[in-house]
């Protein structure tokens, strides 16, 4: 188990405890986090689970692969250096407490 911490665009914070291997997108959808749409269900075919990863956590993430990189170019909110698709962030012991900020809009 570990926790993802979601910070909404308005500053509202919500922490979710999830089992290892659960994606941040799955955790958000299963727990009604407003701001993660997840239209494609986690197959990297949309950018509606776009998040901004807190800078302190970026070095701990798996490297971004080409499909995720390409999909982020179509995100509704501004792409930044810390942009990632939450469907590609999987809970592990190393990511316990990971903080992500939700963009203003997904669609």
N, C-alpha and C. Protein backbone atom coordinates (compact mmCIF):
# COMPACT_ATOMS: atom_id res chain seq x y z
N UNK A 1 0.84 -1.19 0.00
CA UNK A 1 0.00 0.00 0.00
C UNK A 1 0.88 1.24 0.00
N UNK A 2 0.33 2.27 -0.57
CA UNK A 2 0.99 3.56 -0.59
C UNK A 2 -0.05 4.63 -0.85
N UNK A 3 0.37 5.87 -0.83
CA UNK A 3 -0.59 6.94 -1.04
C UNK A 3 -0.19 7.85 -2.19
N UNK A 4 -1.21 8.25 -2.91
CA UNK A 4 -1.10 9.31 -3.91
C UNK A 4 -1.77 10.53 -3.30
N UNK A 5 -1.19 11.69 -3.46
CA UNK A 5 -1.79 12.93 -2.98
C UNK A 5 -2.12 13.78 -4.20
N UNK A 6 -3.41 14.06 -4.35
CA UNK A 6 -3.90 14.85 -5.47
C UNK A 6 -4.22 16.25 -4.97
N UNK A 7 -3.72 17.25 -5.67
CA UNK A 7 -4.03 18.64 -5.34
C UNK A 7 -4.77 19.24 -6.52
N UNK A 8 -6.03 19.57 -6.29
CA UNK A 8 -6.88 20.13 -7.34
C UNK A 8 -6.40 21.52 -7.72
N UNK A 9 -6.88 21.98 -8.86
CA UNK A 9 -6.50 23.30 -9.36
C UNK A 9 -6.86 24.40 -8.35
N UNK A 10 -7.91 24.18 -7.55
CA UNK A 10 -8.32 25.18 -6.55
C UNK A 10 -7.57 25.03 -5.22
N UNK A 11 -6.62 24.07 -5.15
CA UNK A 11 -5.82 23.89 -3.95
C UNK A 11 -6.32 22.81 -3.00
N UNK A 12 -7.50 22.25 -3.27
CA UNK A 12 -8.04 21.18 -2.44
C UNK A 12 -7.13 19.96 -2.51
N UNK A 13 -6.80 19.39 -1.36
CA UNK A 13 -5.90 18.24 -1.28
C UNK A 13 -6.68 16.99 -0.89
N UNK A 14 -6.35 15.88 -1.56
CA UNK A 14 -6.96 14.60 -1.21
C UNK A 14 -5.91 13.51 -1.30
N UNK A 15 -5.79 12.71 -0.26
CA UNK A 15 -4.83 11.61 -0.22
C UNK A 15 -5.58 10.29 -0.33
N UNK A 16 -5.06 9.38 -1.17
CA UNK A 16 -5.68 8.08 -1.38
C UNK A 16 -4.69 6.97 -1.12
N UNK A 17 -5.07 6.00 -0.31
CA UNK A 17 -4.27 4.80 -0.06
C UNK A 17 -4.65 3.77 -1.12
N UNK A 18 -3.63 3.24 -1.80
CA UNK A 18 -3.89 2.27 -2.88
C UNK A 18 -2.85 1.14 -2.82
N UNK A 19 -3.21 -0.02 -3.36
CA UNK A 19 -2.25 -1.12 -3.41
C UNK A 19 -1.15 -0.85 -4.44
N UNK A 20 -0.01 -1.48 -4.23
CA UNK A 20 1.09 -1.40 -5.20
C UNK A 20 0.58 -1.84 -6.57
N UNK A 21 1.07 -1.18 -7.62
CA UNK A 21 0.68 -1.50 -8.98
C UNK A 21 -0.52 -0.74 -9.49
N UNK A 22 -1.22 -0.03 -8.61
CA UNK A 22 -2.37 0.78 -9.02
C UNK A 22 -1.87 2.08 -9.62
N UNK A 23 -2.43 2.46 -10.76
CA UNK A 23 -2.00 3.73 -11.37
C UNK A 23 -2.69 4.89 -10.65
N UNK A 24 -2.07 6.04 -10.74
CA UNK A 24 -2.67 7.25 -10.17
C UNK A 24 -4.02 7.52 -10.83
N UNK A 25 -4.14 7.23 -12.13
CA UNK A 25 -5.40 7.42 -12.84
C UNK A 25 -6.47 6.49 -12.29
N UNK A 26 -6.14 5.20 -12.09
CA UNK A 26 -7.11 4.25 -11.55
C UNK A 26 -7.56 4.68 -10.16
N UNK A 27 -6.62 5.11 -9.33
CA UNK A 27 -6.95 5.56 -7.98
C UNK A 27 -7.90 6.75 -8.03
N UNK A 28 -7.61 7.71 -8.91
CA UNK A 28 -8.44 8.91 -9.02
C UNK A 28 -9.86 8.57 -9.48
N UNK A 29 -9.97 7.76 -10.51
CA UNK A 29 -11.29 7.42 -11.04
C UNK A 29 -12.10 6.61 -10.01
N UNK A 30 -11.48 5.64 -9.38
CA UNK A 30 -12.17 4.79 -8.42
C UNK A 30 -12.64 5.57 -7.19
N UNK A 31 -12.00 6.70 -6.92
CA UNK A 31 -12.31 7.48 -5.72
C UNK A 31 -12.94 8.83 -6.01
N UNK A 32 -13.39 9.01 -7.24
CA UNK A 32 -14.14 10.21 -7.59
C UNK A 32 -13.36 11.50 -7.55
N UNK A 33 -12.08 11.44 -7.88
CA UNK A 33 -11.28 12.67 -7.93
C UNK A 33 -11.72 13.49 -9.15
N UNK A 34 -12.26 14.66 -8.88
CA UNK A 34 -12.66 15.55 -9.96
C UNK A 34 -11.41 16.11 -10.61
N UNK A 35 -11.35 16.06 -11.92
CA UNK A 35 -10.19 16.59 -12.62
C UNK A 35 -9.42 15.52 -13.38
N UNK A 36 -9.74 14.26 -13.17
CA UNK A 36 -9.18 13.17 -13.97
C UNK A 36 -10.34 12.56 -14.73
N UNK A 37 -10.34 12.71 -16.05
CA UNK A 37 -11.44 12.23 -16.87
C UNK A 37 -11.19 10.79 -17.31
N UNK A 38 -9.99 10.48 -17.76
CA UNK A 38 -9.58 9.12 -18.14
C UNK A 38 -10.47 8.51 -19.22
N UNK A 39 -10.68 9.25 -20.29
CA UNK A 39 -11.55 8.78 -21.37
C UNK A 39 -11.12 7.45 -21.98
N UNK A 40 -9.82 7.19 -22.08
CA UNK A 40 -9.36 5.96 -22.74
C UNK A 40 -9.11 4.83 -21.75
N UNK A 41 -9.32 5.06 -20.48
CA UNK A 41 -9.17 4.01 -19.49
C UNK A 41 -7.74 3.60 -19.19
N UNK A 42 -6.77 4.37 -19.62
CA UNK A 42 -5.39 4.08 -19.27
C UNK A 42 -4.55 3.49 -20.39
N UNK A 43 -4.99 3.63 -21.62
CA UNK A 43 -4.25 3.03 -22.74
C UNK A 43 -3.40 4.04 -23.52
N UNK A 44 -3.16 5.19 -22.93
CA UNK A 44 -2.34 6.25 -23.55
C UNK A 44 -2.89 6.71 -24.90
N UNK A 45 -4.21 6.73 -25.03
CA UNK A 45 -4.84 7.15 -26.27
C UNK A 45 -5.54 8.51 -26.14
N UNK A 46 -5.40 9.13 -24.99
CA UNK A 46 -5.93 10.48 -24.78
C UNK A 46 -5.02 11.14 -23.76
N UNK A 47 -5.28 12.36 -23.44
CA UNK A 47 -4.47 13.03 -22.42
C UNK A 47 -5.37 13.56 -21.31
N UNK A 48 -6.49 12.86 -21.06
CA UNK A 48 -7.45 13.36 -20.08
C UNK A 48 -7.16 12.88 -18.66
N UNK A 49 -5.95 12.37 -18.45
CA UNK A 49 -5.49 12.05 -17.09
C UNK A 49 -4.18 12.78 -16.81
N UNK A 50 -3.97 13.86 -17.53
CA UNK A 50 -2.78 14.70 -17.42
C UNK A 50 -2.65 15.25 -16.00
N UNK A 51 -1.45 15.18 -15.45
CA UNK A 51 -1.16 15.76 -14.14
C UNK A 51 0.20 16.45 -14.17
N UNK A 52 0.42 17.30 -13.20
CA UNK A 52 1.72 17.92 -12.99
C UNK A 52 2.31 17.28 -11.74
N UNK A 53 3.40 16.57 -11.90
CA UNK A 53 4.05 15.89 -10.79
C UNK A 53 4.88 16.89 -10.01
N UNK A 54 4.75 16.85 -8.68
CA UNK A 54 5.54 17.72 -7.84
C UNK A 54 7.02 17.48 -8.15
N UNK A 55 7.76 18.56 -8.30
CA UNK A 55 9.15 18.48 -8.76
C UNK A 55 10.02 17.53 -7.93
N UNK A 56 9.79 17.44 -6.64
CA UNK A 56 10.60 16.58 -5.78
C UNK A 56 10.45 15.10 -6.14
N UNK A 57 9.35 14.74 -6.79
CA UNK A 57 9.08 13.35 -7.13
C UNK A 57 9.52 12.96 -8.53
N UNK A 58 9.79 13.90 -9.39
CA UNK A 58 10.14 13.60 -10.79
C UNK A 58 11.28 12.60 -10.94
N UNK A 59 12.38 12.72 -10.18
CA UNK A 59 13.48 11.75 -10.35
C UNK A 59 13.13 10.31 -9.99
N UNK A 60 12.05 10.13 -9.23
CA UNK A 60 11.66 8.78 -8.80
C UNK A 60 10.75 8.07 -9.80
N UNK A 61 10.23 8.80 -10.77
CA UNK A 61 9.33 8.20 -11.75
C UNK A 61 10.10 7.42 -12.81
N UNK A 62 9.43 6.40 -13.36
CA UNK A 62 10.00 5.69 -14.51
C UNK A 62 10.12 6.69 -15.66
N UNK A 63 11.11 6.53 -16.51
CA UNK A 63 11.26 7.45 -17.64
C UNK A 63 10.02 7.46 -18.54
N UNK A 64 9.73 8.61 -19.09
CA UNK A 64 8.60 8.74 -20.00
C UNK A 64 8.93 8.02 -21.32
N UNK A 65 7.97 7.26 -21.81
CA UNK A 65 8.12 6.56 -23.08
C UNK A 65 7.51 7.41 -24.20
N UNK A 66 7.85 7.09 -25.44
CA UNK A 66 7.43 7.87 -26.60
C UNK A 66 5.91 8.05 -26.71
N UNK A 67 5.08 7.01 -26.49
CA UNK A 67 3.63 7.23 -26.62
C UNK A 67 3.08 8.26 -25.63
N UNK A 68 3.57 8.22 -24.39
CA UNK A 68 3.14 9.19 -23.40
C UNK A 68 3.60 10.59 -23.79
N UNK A 69 4.83 10.71 -24.22
CA UNK A 69 5.39 11.99 -24.63
C UNK A 69 4.55 12.61 -25.76
N UNK A 70 4.22 11.80 -26.74
CA UNK A 70 3.42 12.28 -27.88
C UNK A 70 2.02 12.69 -27.44
N UNK A 71 1.41 11.90 -26.57
CA UNK A 71 0.04 12.18 -26.14
C UNK A 71 -0.03 13.46 -25.32
N UNK A 72 0.99 13.76 -24.54
CA UNK A 72 0.98 14.98 -23.74
C UNK A 72 0.93 16.24 -24.59
N UNK A 73 1.36 16.14 -25.84
CA UNK A 73 1.28 17.30 -26.74
C UNK A 73 -0.17 17.68 -27.04
N UNK A 74 -1.11 16.77 -26.80
CA UNK A 74 -2.51 17.07 -27.07
C UNK A 74 -3.31 17.36 -25.80
N UNK A 75 -2.63 17.55 -24.68
CA UNK A 75 -3.32 17.85 -23.42
C UNK A 75 -4.07 19.17 -23.53
N UNK A 76 -5.23 19.25 -22.89
CA UNK A 76 -6.05 20.46 -22.93
C UNK A 76 -5.41 21.61 -22.17
N UNK A 77 -4.73 21.31 -21.07
CA UNK A 77 -4.02 22.34 -20.31
C UNK A 77 -2.56 22.36 -20.72
N UNK A 78 -1.91 23.45 -20.42
CA UNK A 78 -0.51 23.63 -20.80
C UNK A 78 0.38 22.45 -20.40
N UNK A 79 1.18 22.00 -21.35
CA UNK A 79 2.18 20.98 -21.04
C UNK A 79 3.38 21.68 -20.41
N UNK A 80 3.86 21.11 -19.31
CA UNK A 80 5.00 21.66 -18.60
C UNK A 80 6.07 20.57 -18.47
N UNK A 81 7.23 20.95 -17.97
CA UNK A 81 8.33 20.00 -17.80
C UNK A 81 7.96 18.86 -16.85
N UNK A 82 7.01 19.09 -15.95
CA UNK A 82 6.61 18.07 -14.99
C UNK A 82 5.28 17.41 -15.35
N UNK A 83 4.84 17.56 -16.60
CA UNK A 83 3.61 16.92 -17.06
C UNK A 83 3.82 15.43 -17.25
N UNK A 84 2.85 14.65 -16.81
CA UNK A 84 2.83 13.21 -17.03
C UNK A 84 1.38 12.76 -17.18
N UNK A 85 1.18 11.60 -17.77
CA UNK A 85 -0.13 10.96 -17.79
C UNK A 85 -0.23 10.13 -16.52
N UNK A 86 -1.28 10.34 -15.74
CA UNK A 86 -1.40 9.62 -14.48
C UNK A 86 -1.63 8.13 -14.67
N UNK A 87 -2.04 7.71 -15.86
CA UNK A 87 -2.20 6.28 -16.13
C UNK A 87 -0.86 5.56 -16.21
N UNK A 88 0.22 6.31 -16.33
CA UNK A 88 1.55 5.73 -16.45
C UNK A 88 2.34 5.80 -15.16
N UNK A 89 1.71 6.27 -14.09
CA UNK A 89 2.37 6.36 -12.78
C UNK A 89 1.80 5.27 -11.89
N UNK A 90 2.61 4.25 -11.60
CA UNK A 90 2.15 3.11 -10.82
C UNK A 90 2.70 3.17 -9.40
N UNK A 91 1.81 2.93 -8.44
CA UNK A 91 2.20 2.96 -7.04
C UNK A 91 3.25 1.89 -6.75
N UNK A 92 4.27 2.30 -6.03
CA UNK A 92 5.32 1.41 -5.55
C UNK A 92 5.79 1.98 -4.22
N UNK A 93 6.60 1.22 -3.51
CA UNK A 93 7.12 1.69 -2.23
C UNK A 93 7.87 3.01 -2.40
N UNK A 94 8.59 3.14 -3.50
CA UNK A 94 9.37 4.35 -3.76
C UNK A 94 8.48 5.57 -4.01
N UNK A 95 7.25 5.34 -4.48
CA UNK A 95 6.35 6.46 -4.80
C UNK A 95 5.32 6.74 -3.72
N UNK A 96 5.44 6.09 -2.57
CA UNK A 96 4.49 6.32 -1.49
C UNK A 96 4.55 7.79 -1.07
N UNK A 97 3.41 8.47 -1.19
CA UNK A 97 3.32 9.89 -0.85
C UNK A 97 3.45 10.81 -2.05
N UNK A 98 3.50 10.25 -3.26
CA UNK A 98 3.65 11.05 -4.48
C UNK A 98 2.59 12.14 -4.57
N UNK A 99 3.02 13.34 -4.87
CA UNK A 99 2.13 14.49 -4.97
C UNK A 99 1.96 14.88 -6.44
N UNK A 100 0.70 14.95 -6.88
CA UNK A 100 0.41 15.41 -8.23
C UNK A 100 -0.59 16.55 -8.16
N UNK A 101 -0.42 17.51 -9.04
CA UNK A 101 -1.31 18.65 -9.14
C UNK A 101 -2.17 18.46 -10.39
N UNK A 102 -3.46 18.72 -10.25
CA UNK A 102 -4.37 18.57 -11.37
C UNK A 102 -4.43 19.86 -12.18
N UNK A 103 -4.43 19.73 -13.50
CA UNK A 103 -4.50 20.93 -14.34
C UNK A 103 -5.89 21.58 -14.26
N UNK A 104 -5.97 22.76 -14.81
CA UNK A 104 -7.23 23.50 -14.79
C UNK A 104 -8.34 22.75 -15.52
N UNK A 105 -7.99 22.11 -16.65
CA UNK A 105 -8.99 21.36 -17.41
C UNK A 105 -8.33 20.18 -18.13
N UNK A 106 -9.15 19.19 -18.46
CA UNK A 106 -8.68 18.00 -19.17
C UNK A 106 -9.23 17.92 -20.58
N UNK A 107 -10.35 18.53 -20.83
CA UNK A 107 -10.97 18.50 -22.15
C UNK A 107 -11.33 19.89 -22.61
